[in-house]
Amino acid sequence: MAKAPNNPYTLRRLRSSYVSTVVSMSLVLLLLGIIGVLLLNANRLSRYVREHIGFSVVLQDNATEADIAWVRKQLDVSPYVRETKFISKEEAERELRKMLGEDFVAFLGYNPLPVSIEAKLRYRYANNDSLRVIEKKFKEFKQVKEVSYQKSLIGLVNDNINKISAMLLLFSGLLFFVSFAQINNTIRLSIYSRRFLINTMKLVGATRAFITRPFMLKSALHGVISAIVAMLLLLSLFYIVRNEMGSEMIQMVSVEVVGILFLCLLAIGVIVGVISTYFAVSKFLDMKANDLYY
């Protein structure tokens, strides 16, 4: 005979089952939330990386201030340039001395570094094809000595971004399938611990809808709580990342993204929970009493 629902031991087991279900679902939804952040910000992440790609326009040694201003103006008005920065001979010398750790000017007796203008590209033009066109254009100017950029690095960055995007999409689909299975198994185990209660309700004449409805409502509640817990954990993770990596990276997680993500986690938690509960309860309703012991 099934134990009475108000039995202290049974109540403790039910509370333990509820807590285990919420914790398991919360951890699964947290993983989905992390992947969701990456998916929702994939384009922004790609743009962030590409917009930090740039090139240097090295000017002739005899370039005047007017020449420098004119070349920089040509760069600033170009549709493919996001921002520019003038690098004087002194600033270039300080940067190289800091990198080398020694005063090479004192050794050589003069500063051999040229004046240059560093330009950051707009993300649409951060590729070798566009840079070849830009290089050809600016090398025609008599004030320009050369246009310098890292061809191999730019090609590598773009190839890796495409590969990572494809892998992220594949991994997200796989993780969603695994998460669905994990939530489903967690709920089935929770329902399994109450199989005798389900059978007792069936024996006293309760309808399938009457028996199933409370379990589905409870599962929906668990889904809501799990989504809230997962979102709180995710926001805590954002806070840690912001402290470790600075505010620039965390700006990619906007209020809109957080809102969309919470709604997605809420929908997944509730829908998957309710569907899994329905099938789990239906399974035990269709079983004979003797089969419940196996």
C-alpha atoms as a PDB file:
ATOM      1  CA  MET A   1       0.000   0.000   0.000  1.00  0.00           C
ATOM      2  CA  ALA A   2       1.284   3.503  -0.813  1.00  0.00           C
ATOM      3  CA  LYS A   3       2.237   5.647   2.119  1.00  0.00           C
ATOM      4  CA  ALA A   4       0.044   8.582   3.037  1.00  0.00           C
ATOM      5  CA  PRO A   5       1.111  11.896   1.525  1.00  0.00           C
ATOM      6  CA  ASN A   6       1.326  13.492   5.014  1.00  0.00           C
ATOM      7  CA  ASN A   7       3.830  10.904   6.245  1.00  0.00           C
ATOM      8  CA  PRO A   8       6.947  12.846   7.417  1.00  0.00           C
ATOM      9  CA  TYR A   9       9.324  10.471   5.636  1.00  0.00           C
ATOM     10  CA  THR A  10       7.341  10.774   2.404  1.00  0.00           C
ATOM     11  CA  LEU A  11       7.239  14.565   2.707  1.00  0.00           C
ATOM     12  CA  ARG A  12      11.006  14.689   3.181  1.00  0.00           C
ATOM     13  CA  ARG A  13      11.508  12.524   0.108  1.00  0.00           C
ATOM     14  CA  LEU A  14       9.165  14.735  -1.924  1.00  0.00           C
ATOM     15  CA  ARG A  15      10.968  17.913  -0.836  1.00  0.00           C
ATOM     16  CA  SER A  16      14.303  16.299  -1.636  1.00  0.00           C
ATOM     17  CA  SER A  17      12.944  15.259  -5.028  1.00  0.00           C
ATOM     18  CA  TYR A  18      11.709  18.787  -5.730  1.00  0.00           C
ATOM     19  CA  VAL A  19      15.060  20.331  -4.762  1.00  0.00           C
ATOM     20  CA  SER A  20      17.002  17.807  -6.858  1.00  0.00           C
ATOM     21  CA  THR A  21      14.780  18.510  -9.856  1.00  0.00           C
ATOM     22  CA  VAL A  22      15.168  22.295  -9.567  1.00  0.00           C
ATOM     23  CA  VAL A  23      18.959  22.097  -9.063  1.00  0.00           C
ATOM     24  CA  SER A  24      19.441  19.730 -11.998  1.00  0.00           C
ATOM     25  CA  MET A  25      17.240  21.803 -14.299  1.00  0.00           C
ATOM     26  CA  SER A  26      18.946  25.027 -13.183  1.00  0.00           C
ATOM     27  CA  LEU A  27      22.419  23.707 -14.035  1.00  0.00           C
ATOM     28  CA  VAL A  28      21.253  22.474 -17.426  1.00  0.00           C
ATOM     29  CA  LEU A  29      19.550  25.796 -18.168  1.00  0.00           C
ATOM     30  CA  LEU A  30      22.718  27.618 -17.057  1.00  0.00           C
ATOM     31  CA  LEU A  31      24.720  25.764 -19.707  1.00  0.00           C
ATOM     32  CA  LEU A  32      22.065  26.585 -22.279  1.00  0.00           C
ATOM     33  CA  GLY A  33      22.188  30.204 -21.147  1.00  0.00           C
ATOM     34  CA  ILE A  34      25.950  30.434 -21.690  1.00  0.00           C
ATOM     35  CA  ILE A  35      25.586  29.009 -25.185  1.00  0.00           C
ATOM     36  CA  GLY A  36      22.625  31.320 -25.763  1.00  0.00           C
ATOM     37  CA  VAL A  37      24.751  34.359 -24.909  1.00  0.00           C
ATOM     38  CA  LEU A  38      27.363  33.281 -27.439  1.00  0.00           C
ATOM     39  CA  LEU A  39      24.739  32.607 -30.115  1.00  0.00           C
ATOM     40  CA  LEU A  40      22.875  35.863 -29.559  1.00  0.00           C
ATOM     41  CA  ASN A  41      26.168  37.770 -29.644  1.00  0.00           C
ATOM     42  CA  ALA A  42      27.940  35.754 -32.340  1.00  0.00           C
ATOM     43  CA  ASN A  43      27.675  38.599 -34.855  1.00  0.00           C
ATOM     44  CA  ARG A  44      28.705  41.166 -32.257  1.00  0.00           C
ATOM     45  CA  LEU A  45      31.674  39.061 -31.164  1.00  0.00           C
ATOM     46  CA  SER A  46      32.748  38.657 -34.778  1.00  0.00           C
ATOM     47  CA  ARG A  47      32.384  42.399 -35.324  1.00  0.00           C
ATOM     48  CA  TYR A  48      34.338  43.160 -32.137  1.00  0.00           C
ATOM     49  CA  VAL A  49      37.274  41.022 -33.288  1.00  0.00           C
ATOM     50  CA  ARG A  50      37.274  42.314 -36.869  1.00  0.00           C
ATOM     51  CA  GLU A  51      37.099  45.974 -35.834  1.00  0.00           C
ATOM     52  CA  HIS A  52      40.359  45.549 -33.924  1.00  0.00           C
ATOM     53  CA  ILE A  53      42.104  44.610 -37.167  1.00  0.00           C
ATOM     54  CA  GLY A  54      43.976  47.484 -38.754  1.00  0.00           C
ATOM     55  CA  PHE A  55      46.836  48.625 -40.940  1.00  0.00           C
ATOM     56  CA  SER A  56      49.590  51.264 -40.854  1.00  0.00           C
ATOM     57  CA  VAL A  57      50.234  53.913 -43.466  1.00  0.00           C
ATOM     58  CA  VAL A  58      53.955  54.680 -43.276  1.00  0.00           C
ATOM     59  CA  LEU A  59      54.789  58.189 -44.543  1.00  0.00           C
ATOM     60  CA  GLN A  60      57.854  59.443 -46.362  1.00  0.00           C
ATOM     61  CA  ASP A  61      60.686  60.835 -44.256  1.00  0.00           C
ATOM     62  CA  ASN A  62      60.249  64.262 -45.844  1.00  0.00           C
ATOM     63  CA  ALA A  63      56.480  64.391 -45.268  1.00  0.00           C
ATOM     64  CA  THR A  64      55.341  67.756 -43.867  1.00  0.00           C
ATOM     65  CA  GLU A  65      52.623  68.363 -41.307  1.00  0.00           C
ATOM     66  CA  ALA A  66      50.306  69.375 -44.161  1.00  0.00           C
ATOM     67  CA  ASP A  67      51.055  66.076 -45.950  1.00  0.00           C
ATOM     68  CA  ILE A  68      50.358  64.105 -42.772  1.00  0.00           C
ATOM     69  CA  ALA A  69      47.080  65.962 -42.186  1.00  0.00           C
ATOM     70  CA  TRP A  70      45.996  65.406 -45.803  1.00  0.00           C
ATOM     71  CA  VAL A  71      46.695  61.641 -45.729  1.00  0.00           C
ATOM     72  CA  ARG A  72      44.912  61.291 -42.394  1.00  0.00           C
ATOM     73  CA  LYS A  73      41.948  63.205 -43.773  1.00  0.00           C
ATOM     74  CA  GLN A  74      41.773  60.772 -46.720  1.00  0.00           C
ATOM     75  CA  LEU A  75      41.694  57.901 -44.270  1.00  0.00           C
ATOM     76  CA  ASP A  76      39.080  59.475 -41.998  1.00  0.00           C
ATOM     77  CA  VAL A  77      36.630  60.133 -44.842  1.00  0.00           C
ATOM     78  CA  SER A  78      37.051  56.608 -46.252  1.00  0.00           C
ATOM     79  CA  PRO A  79      34.036  54.310 -45.737  1.00  0.00           C
ATOM     80  CA  TYR A  80      36.276  51.412 -44.677  1.00  0.00           C
ATOM     81  CA  VAL A  81      38.143  53.193 -41.853  1.00  0.00           C
ATOM     82  CA  ARG A  82      36.619  53.321 -38.361  1.00  0.00           C
ATOM     83  CA  GLU A  83      39.269  55.430 -36.628  1.00  0.00           C
ATOM     84  CA  THR A  84      42.830  56.661 -37.090  1.00  0.00           C
ATOM     85  CA  LYS A  85      45.747  57.452 -34.820  1.00  0.00           C
ATOM     86  CA  PHE A  86      48.867  59.458 -35.644  1.00  0.00           C
ATOM     87  CA  ILE A  87      52.158  57.869 -34.505  1.00  0.00           C
ATOM     88  CA  SER A  88      55.070  60.307 -34.341  1.00  0.00           C
ATOM     89  CA  LYS A  89      58.706  59.255 -34.516  1.00  0.00           C
ATOM     90  CA  GLU A  90      59.059  59.841 -30.776  1.00  0.00           C
ATOM     91  CA  GLU A  91      55.982  57.786 -29.904  1.00  0.00           C
ATOM     92  CA  ALA A  92      57.113  54.945 -32.191  1.00  0.00           C
ATOM     93  CA  GLU A  93      60.523  55.057 -30.518  1.00  0.00           C
ATOM     94  CA  ARG A  94      58.986  54.830 -27.030  1.00  0.00           C
ATOM     95  CA  GLU A  95      56.822  51.858 -28.016  1.00  0.00           C
ATOM     96  CA  LEU A  96      59.715  49.954 -29.593  1.00  0.00           C
ATOM     97  CA  ARG A  97      62.054  50.738 -26.696  1.00  0.00           C
ATOM     98  CA  LYS A  98      59.427  49.426 -24.282  1.00  0.00           C
ATOM     99  CA  MET A  99      59.061  46.274 -26.378  1.00  0.00           C
ATOM    100  CA  LEU A 100      62.815  45.657 -26.733  1.00  0.00           C
ATOM    101  CA  GLY A 101      63.677  46.698 -23.211  1.00  0.00           C
ATOM    102  CA  GLU A 102      66.701  48.730 -24.300  1.00  0.00           C
ATOM    103  CA  ASP A 103      67.536  52.138 -25.758  1.00  0.00           C
ATOM    104  CA  PHE A 104      68.291  51.383 -29.405  1.00  0.00           C
ATOM    105  CA  VAL A 105      68.418  55.112 -30.292  1.00  0.00           C
ATOM    106  CA  ALA A 106      71.437  55.588 -28.015  1.00  0.00           C
ATOM    107  CA  PHE A 107      73.107  52.627 -29.713  1.00  0.00           C
ATOM    108  CA  LEU A 108      72.368  53.773 -33.298  1.00  0.00           C
ATOM    109  CA  GLY A 109      72.799  57.464 -32.652  1.00  0.00           C
ATOM    110  CA  TYR A 110      69.536  58.407 -34.383  1.00  0.00           C
ATOM    111  CA  ASN A 111      65.858  57.408 -34.556  1.00  0.00           C
ATOM    112  CA  PRO A 112      65.268  55.335 -37.726  1.00  0.00           C
ATOM    113  CA  LEU A 113      61.531  54.902 -37.198  1.00  0.00           C
ATOM    114  CA  PRO A 114      59.191  56.672 -39.645  1.00  0.00           C
ATOM    115  CA  VAL A 115      56.063  58.696 -39.022  1.00  0.00           C
ATOM    116  CA  SER A 116      52.918  56.628 -39.551  1.00  0.00           C
ATOM    117  CA  ILE A 117      49.148  56.633 -39.230  1.00  0.00           C
ATOM    118  CA  GLU A 118      47.410  53.599 -37.726  1.00  0.00           C
ATOM    119  CA  ALA A 119      43.905  52.898 -39.011  1.00  0.00           C
ATOM    120  CA  LYS A 120      41.258  50.548 -37.635  1.00  0.00           C
ATOM    121  CA  LEU A 121      38.952  48.980 -40.202  1.00  0.00           C
ATOM    122  CA  ARG A 122      35.199  48.692 -40.189  1.00  0.00           C
ATOM    123  CA  TYR A 123      34.309  45.036 -39.739  1.00  0.00           C
ATOM    124  CA  ARG A 124      32.941  44.582 -43.289  1.00  0.00           C
ATOM    125  CA  TYR A 125      36.358  45.461 -44.740  1.00  0.00           C
ATOM    126  CA  ALA A 126      38.506  43.434 -42.333  1.00  0.00           C
ATOM    127  CA  ASN A 127      39.751  40.964 -44.933  1.00  0.00           C
ATOM    128  CA  ASN A 128      42.754  40.624 -47.203  1.00  0.00           C
ATOM    129  CA  ASP A 129      40.816  41.395 -50.413  1.00  0.00           C
ATOM    130  CA  SER A 130      39.707  44.787 -49.117  1.00  0.00           C
ATOM    131  CA  LEU A 131      43.149  45.535 -47.698  1.00  0.00           C
ATOM    132  CA  ARG A 132      44.797  44.843 -51.045  1.00  0.00           C
ATOM    133  CA  VAL A 133      42.521  47.451 -52.645  1.00  0.00           C
ATOM    134  CA  ILE A 134      43.266  49.926 -49.843  1.00  0.00           C
ATOM    135  CA  GLU A 135      47.001  49.265 -50.130  1.00  0.00           C
ATOM    136  CA  LYS A 136      46.961  49.874 -53.872  1.00  0.00           C
ATOM    137  CA  LYS A 137      45.064  53.138 -53.474  1.00  0.00           C
ATOM    138  CA  PHE A 138      47.258  54.698 -50.784  1.00  0.00           C
ATOM    139  CA  LYS A 139      50.564  53.569 -52.269  1.00  0.00           C
ATOM    140  CA  GLU A 140      49.767  55.826 -55.231  1.00  0.00           C
ATOM    141  CA  PHE A 141      50.046  58.874 -52.954  1.00  0.00           C
ATOM    142  CA  LYS A 142      53.512  60.414 -53.104  1.00  0.00           C
ATOM    143  CA  GLN A 143      53.432  61.153 -49.353  1.00  0.00           C
ATOM    144  CA  VAL A 144      53.035  57.406 -48.554  1.00  0.00           C
ATOM    145  CA  LYS A 145      56.075  55.175 -48.322  1.00  0.00           C
ATOM    146  CA  GLU A 146      54.234  51.899 -47.721  1.00  0.00           C
ATOM    147  CA  VAL A 147      51.043  50.341 -46.330  1.00  0.00           C
ATOM    148  CA  SER A 148      51.730  47.690 -43.729  1.00  0.00           C
ATOM    149  CA  TYR A 149      49.394  44.977 -42.417  1.00  0.00           C
ATOM    150  CA  GLN A 150      49.639  41.332 -41.346  1.00  0.00           C
ATOM    151  CA  LYS A 151      48.183  39.330 -44.217  1.00  0.00           C
ATOM    152  CA  SER A 152      48.557  35.910 -42.581  1.00  0.00           C
ATOM    153  CA  LEU A 153      47.066  37.049 -39.256  1.00  0.00           C
ATOM    154  CA  ILE A 154      44.013  38.619 -40.893  1.00  0.00           C
ATOM    155  CA  GLY A 155      43.371  35.492 -42.978  1.00  0.00           C
ATOM    156  CA  LEU A 156      43.776  33.328 -39.883  1.00  0.00           C
ATOM    157  CA  VAL A 157      41.384  35.478 -37.852  1.00  0.00           C
ATOM    158  CA  ASN A 158      38.654  35.336 -40.508  1.00  0.00           C
ATOM    159  CA  ASP A 159      39.065  31.582 -41.044  1.00  0.00           C
ATOM    160  CA  ASN A 160      38.896  30.930 -37.310  1.00  0.00           C
ATOM    161  CA  ILE A 161      35.812  33.123 -36.879  1.00  0.00           C
ATOM    162  CA  ASN A 162      33.974  31.125 -39.569  1.00  0.00           C
ATOM    163  CA  LYS A 163      35.076  27.804 -38.070  1.00  0.00           C
ATOM    164  CA  ILE A 164      34.142  28.845 -34.554  1.00  0.00           C
ATOM    165  CA  SER A 165      30.695  30.025 -35.715  1.00  0.00           C
ATOM    166  CA  ALA A 166      30.000  26.670 -37.403  1.00  0.00           C
ATOM    167  CA  MET A 167      31.289  24.697 -34.412  1.00  0.00           C
ATOM    168  CA  LEU A 168      29.287  26.849 -32.008  1.00  0.00           C
ATOM    169  CA  LEU A 169      26.089  26.234 -33.962  1.00  0.00           C
ATOM    170  CA  LEU A 170      26.728  22.478 -34.049  1.00  0.00           C
ATOM    171  CA  PHE A 171      27.644  22.356 -30.361  1.00  0.00           C
ATOM    172  CA  SER A 172      24.526  24.368 -29.462  1.00  0.00           C
ATOM    173  CA  GLY A 173      22.278  21.891 -31.242  1.00  0.00           C
ATOM    174  CA  LEU A 174      24.005  18.957 -29.545  1.00  0.00           C
ATOM    175  CA  LEU A 175      23.851  20.610 -26.136  1.00  0.00           C
ATOM    176  CA  PHE A 176      20.157  21.379 -26.554  1.00  0.00           C
ATOM    177  CA  PHE A 177      19.483  17.709 -27.337  1.00  0.00           C
ATOM    178  CA  VAL A 178      21.524  16.567 -24.331  1.00  0.00           C
ATOM    179  CA  SER A 179      19.833  19.154 -22.117  1.00  0.00           C
ATOM    180  CA  PHE A 180      16.397  17.990 -23.219  1.00  0.00           C
ATOM    181  CA  ALA A 181      17.356  14.395 -22.396  1.00  0.00           C
ATOM    182  CA  GLN A 182      18.823  15.431 -19.014  1.00  0.00           C
ATOM    183  CA  ILE A 183      15.741  17.408 -17.975  1.00  0.00           C
ATOM    184  CA  ASN A 184      13.516  14.592 -19.198  1.00  0.00           C
ATOM    185  CA  ASN A 185      15.441  11.969 -17.176  1.00  0.00           C
ATOM    186  CA  THR A 186      15.433  14.160 -14.059  1.00  0.00           C
ATOM    187  CA  ILE A 187      11.662  14.584 -14.231  1.00  0.00           C
ATOM    188  CA  ARG A 188      11.080  10.888 -14.965  1.00  0.00           C
ATOM    189  CA  LEU A 189      13.074   9.955 -11.857  1.00  0.00           C
ATOM    190  CA  SER A 190      11.053  12.442  -9.826  1.00  0.00           C
ATOM    191  CA  ILE A 191       7.777  10.985 -11.111  1.00  0.00           C
ATOM    192  CA  TYR A 192       9.096   7.442 -10.553  1.00  0.00           C
ATOM    193  CA  SER A 193       9.413   8.142  -6.819  1.00  0.00           C
ATOM    194  CA  ARG A 194       5.665   8.914  -6.764  1.00  0.00           C
ATOM    195  CA  ARG A 195       4.474   6.066  -8.950  1.00  0.00           C
ATOM    196  CA  PHE A 196       2.573   4.406  -6.097  1.00  0.00           C
ATOM    197  CA  LEU A 197       0.716   7.644  -5.369  1.00  0.00           C
ATOM    198  CA  ILE A 198      -0.283   7.823  -9.042  1.00  0.00           C
ATOM    199  CA  ASN A 199      -1.496   4.227  -8.934  1.00  0.00           C
ATOM    200  CA  THR A 200      -3.482   4.855  -5.742  1.00  0.00           C
ATOM    201  CA  MET A 201      -5.229   7.844  -7.315  1.00  0.00           C
ATOM    202  CA  LYS A 202      -6.061   5.735 -10.361  1.00  0.00           C
ATOM    203  CA  LEU A 203      -7.513   2.940  -8.166  1.00  0.00           C
ATOM    204  CA  VAL A 204      -9.873   5.317  -6.355  1.00  0.00           C
ATOM    205  CA  GLY A 205     -11.336   6.439  -9.695  1.00  0.00           C
ATOM    206  CA  ALA A 206      -9.521   9.666 -10.465  1.00  0.00           C
ATOM    207  CA  THR A 207      -9.473  10.600 -14.143  1.00  0.00           C
ATOM    208  CA  ARG A 208      -6.231  10.891 -16.141  1.00  0.00           C
ATOM    209  CA  ALA A 209      -6.645  14.635 -16.419  1.00  0.00           C
ATOM    210  CA  PHE A 210      -7.239  14.995 -12.670  1.00  0.00           C
ATOM    211  CA  ILE A 211      -4.109  12.952 -11.883  1.00  0.00           C
ATOM    212  CA  THR A 212      -1.867  14.537 -14.524  1.00  0.00           C
ATOM    213  CA  ARG A 213      -2.799  18.196 -13.995  1.00  0.00           C
ATOM    214  CA  PRO A 214      -1.145  18.735 -10.546  1.00  0.00           C
ATOM    215  CA  PHE A 215       2.091  17.099 -11.722  1.00  0.00           C
ATOM    216  CA  MET A 216       2.193  19.265 -14.831  1.00  0.00           C
ATOM    217  CA  LEU A 217       1.504  22.441 -12.841  1.00  0.00           C
ATOM    218  CA  LYS A 218       4.215  21.497 -10.353  1.00  0.00           C
ATOM    219  CA  SER A 219       6.627  20.818 -13.202  1.00  0.00           C
ATOM    220  CA  ALA A 220       5.808  24.184 -14.802  1.00  0.00           C
ATOM    221  CA  LEU A 221       6.534  25.857 -11.448  1.00  0.00           C
ATOM    222  CA  HIS A 222       9.842  23.990 -11.231  1.00  0.00           C
ATOM    223  CA  GLY A 223      10.662  25.205 -14.733  1.00  0.00           C
ATOM    224  CA  VAL A 224      10.002  28.829 -13.737  1.00  0.00           C
ATOM    225  CA  ILE A 225      12.091  28.536 -10.561  1.00  0.00           C
ATOM    226  CA  SER A 226      14.911  26.781 -12.438  1.00  0.00           C
ATOM    227  CA  ALA A 227      14.957  29.500 -15.121  1.00  0.00           C
ATOM    228  CA  ILE A 228      15.155  32.220 -12.451  1.00  0.00           C
ATOM    229  CA  VAL A 229      17.975  30.405 -10.608  1.00  0.00           C
ATOM    230  CA  ALA A 230      19.860  29.791 -13.877  1.00  0.00           C
ATOM    231  CA  MET A 231      19.503  33.457 -14.845  1.00  0.00           C
ATOM    232  CA  LEU A 232      20.774  34.623 -11.450  1.00  0.00           C
ATOM    233  CA  LEU A 233      23.787  32.322 -11.793  1.00  0.00           C
ATOM    234  CA  LEU A 234      24.383  33.637 -15.311  1.00  0.00           C
ATOM    235  CA  LEU A 235      24.235  37.267 -14.136  1.00  0.00           C
ATOM    236  CA  SER A 236      26.708  36.382 -11.372  1.00  0.00           C
ATOM    237  CA  LEU A 237      28.983  34.903 -14.028  1.00  0.00           C
ATOM    238  CA  PHE A 238      28.701  38.128 -16.061  1.00  0.00           C
ATOM    239  CA  TYR A 239      29.723  40.100 -12.962  1.00  0.00           C
ATOM    240  CA  ILE A 240      32.817  37.921 -12.451  1.00  0.00           C
ATOM    241  CA  VAL A 241      33.771  38.192 -16.127  1.00  0.00           C
ATOM    242  CA  ARG A 242      33.373  41.982 -16.002  1.00  0.00           C
ATOM    243  CA  ASN A 243      35.716  42.221 -13.020  1.00  0.00           C
ATOM    244  CA  GLU A 244      38.287  39.952 -14.637  1.00  0.00           C
ATOM    245  CA  MET A 245      38.178  41.154 -18.255  1.00  0.00           C
ATOM    246  CA  GLY A 246      36.929  44.722 -17.964  1.00  0.00           C
ATOM    247  CA  SER A 247      33.694  46.442 -18.941  1.00  0.00           C
ATOM    248  CA  GLU A 248      34.438  46.437 -22.686  1.00  0.00           C
ATOM    249  CA  MET A 249      33.687  42.736 -23.072  1.00  0.00           C
ATOM    250  CA  ILE A 250      30.599  42.757 -20.843  1.00  0.00           C
ATOM    251  CA  GLN A 251      29.041  45.513 -22.994  1.00  0.00           C
ATOM    252  CA  MET A 252      28.312  42.798 -25.553  1.00  0.00           C
ATOM    253  CA  VAL A 253      25.661  41.471 -23.138  1.00  0.00           C
ATOM    254  CA  SER A 254      22.930  44.090 -23.454  1.00  0.00           C
ATOM    255  CA  VAL A 255      19.644  44.380 -21.568  1.00  0.00           C
ATOM    256  CA  GLU A 256      17.815  43.135 -24.673  1.00  0.00           C
ATOM    257  CA  VAL A 257      20.014  40.033 -24.822  1.00  0.00           C
ATOM    258  CA  VAL A 258      19.426  39.304 -21.125  1.00  0.00           C
ATOM    259  CA  GLY A 259      15.666  39.691 -21.607  1.00  0.00           C
ATOM    260  CA  ILE A 260      15.540  37.438 -24.672  1.00  0.00           C
ATOM    261  CA  LEU A 261      17.745  34.887 -22.939  1.00  0.00           C
ATOM    262  CA  PHE A 262      15.557  34.781 -19.824  1.00  0.00           C
ATOM    263  CA  LEU A 263      12.406  34.299 -21.899  1.00  0.00           C
ATOM    264  CA  CYS A 264      14.096  31.476 -23.845  1.00  0.00           C
ATOM    265  CA  LEU A 265      15.270  29.725 -20.666  1.00  0.00           C
ATOM    266  CA  LEU A 266      11.828  30.181 -19.125  1.00  0.00           C
ATOM    267  CA  ALA A 267      10.127  28.704 -22.188  1.00  0.00           C
ATOM    268  CA  ILE A 268      12.550  25.766 -22.365  1.00  0.00           C
ATOM    269  CA  GLY A 269      12.233  25.010 -18.645  1.00  0.00           C
ATOM    270  CA  VAL A 270       8.432  25.113 -18.651  1.00  0.00           C
ATOM    271  CA  ILE A 271       7.739  23.444 -22.007  1.00  0.00           C
ATOM    272  CA  VAL A 272      10.281  20.637 -21.658  1.00  0.00           C
ATOM    273  CA  GLY A 273       9.243  20.078 -18.035  1.00  0.00           C
ATOM    274  CA  VAL A 274       5.519  19.899 -18.805  1.00  0.00           C
ATOM    275  CA  ILE A 275       5.962  17.609 -21.829  1.00  0.00           C
ATOM    276  CA  SER A 276       8.313  15.261 -19.947  1.00  0.00           C
ATOM    277  CA  THR A 277       5.944  15.171 -16.970  1.00  0.00           C
ATOM    278  CA  TYR A 278       2.949  14.373 -19.136  1.00  0.00           C
ATOM    279  CA  PHE A 279       4.620  11.378 -20.768  1.00  0.00           C
ATOM    280  CA  ALA A 280       6.157  10.163 -17.475  1.00  0.00           C
ATOM    281  CA  VAL A 281       2.811  10.256 -15.635  1.00  0.00           C
ATOM    282  CA  SER A 282       1.021   8.654 -18.598  1.00  0.00           C
ATOM    283  CA  LYS A 283       3.547   5.810 -18.542  1.00  0.00           C
ATOM    284  CA  PHE A 284       2.771   4.933 -14.925  1.00  0.00           C
ATOM    285  CA  LEU A 285      -0.950   5.371 -15.464  1.00  0.00           C
ATOM    286  CA  ASP A 286      -0.794   2.714 -18.211  1.00  0.00           C
ATOM    287  CA  MET A 287       1.236   0.275 -16.081  1.00  0.00           C
ATOM    288  CA  LYS A 288      -0.278  -2.519 -14.096  1.00  0.00           C
ATOM    289  CA  ALA A 289       0.115  -2.430 -10.304  1.00  0.00           C
ATOM    290  CA  ASN A 290       2.507  -5.402 -10.252  1.00  0.00           C
ATOM    291  CA  ASP A 291       4.831  -3.736 -12.778  1.00  0.00           C
ATOM    292  CA  LEU A 292       5.348  -0.741 -10.491  1.00  0.00           C
ATOM    293  CA  TYR A 293       7.735  -2.760  -8.322  1.00  0.00           C
ATOM    294  CA  TYR A 294      10.210  -3.310 -11.194  1.00  0.00           C
END
